[in-house]
Amino acid sequence: MLTRPRYSDNEFEYRHVQLPKAMLKAIPAEYHDKSKGTLKLLWEEEWRGMGITQVRGVAVMFSG
């Protein structure tokens, strides 16, 4: 996974993560934006609920 530097506005902090295509199959369909061919923006609870964690600037997805 590739991560981009964090940035924020007055309300939120943002983190952009690029997942390998093979990992996209593990993401439930309701998180895909089929019109754009991308994932929708996820709240922290959503991506953590899928087993994605971030450790020292690296995003990791656990499958199992």
Protein backbone atom coordinates (compact mmCIF):
# COMPACT_ATOMS: atom_id res chain seq x y z
CA MET A 1 0.00 0.00 0.00
CA LEU A 2 1.14 3.51 -0.71
CA THR A 3 0.30 6.31 1.68
CA ARG A 4 0.35 10.03 1.03
CA PRO A 5 1.16 12.76 3.56
CA ARG A 6 -1.69 13.69 5.88
CA TYR A 7 -3.38 17.03 5.53
CA SER A 8 -6.24 18.70 7.34
CA ASP A 9 -8.74 21.49 7.29
CA ASN A 10 -10.45 23.10 10.28
CA GLU A 11 -12.60 20.02 10.89
CA PHE A 12 -10.95 16.84 9.57
CA GLU A 13 -7.61 15.14 9.00
CA TYR A 14 -7.25 13.33 5.68
CA ARG A 15 -5.14 10.32 4.70
CA HIS A 16 -4.92 9.00 1.18
CA VAL A 17 -4.00 5.36 0.71
CA GLN A 18 -3.55 3.46 -2.54
CA LEU A 19 -4.45 -0.21 -2.29
CA PRO A 20 -3.10 -2.86 -4.65
CA LYS A 21 -5.80 -4.05 -7.05
CA ALA A 22 -5.76 -7.52 -5.50
CA MET A 23 -6.82 -6.00 -2.15
CA LEU A 24 -9.85 -4.29 -3.68
CA LYS A 25 -11.57 -7.67 -3.89
CA ALA A 26 -11.57 -7.79 -0.08
CA ILE A 27 -13.41 -4.45 0.20
CA PRO A 28 -17.23 -4.84 0.31
CA ALA A 29 -19.06 -3.67 -2.83
CA GLU A 30 -20.95 -0.90 -1.00
CA TYR A 31 -17.65 0.97 -0.60
CA HIS A 32 -16.96 1.05 -4.35
CA ASP A 33 -17.97 4.02 -6.52
CA LYS A 34 -18.64 2.19 -9.77
CA SER A 35 -19.20 5.43 -11.72
CA LYS A 36 -15.61 6.56 -10.97
CA GLY A 37 -13.93 3.16 -10.61
CA THR A 38 -12.68 4.12 -7.15
CA LEU A 39 -13.52 3.56 -3.51
CA LYS A 40 -15.65 6.12 -1.74
CA LEU A 41 -14.07 8.18 1.00
CA LEU A 42 -14.16 6.20 4.21
CA TRP A 43 -14.56 7.37 7.78
CA GLU A 44 -11.87 6.09 10.12
CA GLU A 45 -14.33 3.67 11.75
CA GLU A 46 -15.10 2.19 8.32
CA TRP A 47 -11.54 1.50 7.23
CA ARG A 48 -10.52 0.28 10.67
CA GLY A 49 -13.62 -1.97 10.68
CA MET A 50 -12.30 -3.64 7.52
CA GLY A 51 -9.02 -4.45 9.23
CA ILE A 52 -7.00 -1.60 7.72
CA THR A 53 -4.58 -0.11 10.23
CA GLN A 54 -1.92 2.52 10.00
CA VAL A 55 1.38 2.01 11.77
CA ARG A 56 4.15 4.64 11.58
CA GLY A 57 2.81 6.08 8.32
CA VAL A 58 2.24 2.70 6.68
CA ALA A 59 -1.24 1.37 6.01
CA VAL A 60 -1.75 -2.35 6.45
CA MET A 61 -4.77 -4.45 5.60
CA PHE A 62 -5.34 -7.71 7.44
CA SER A 63 -7.28 -10.40 5.66
CA GLY A 64 -8.54 -13.55 7.13
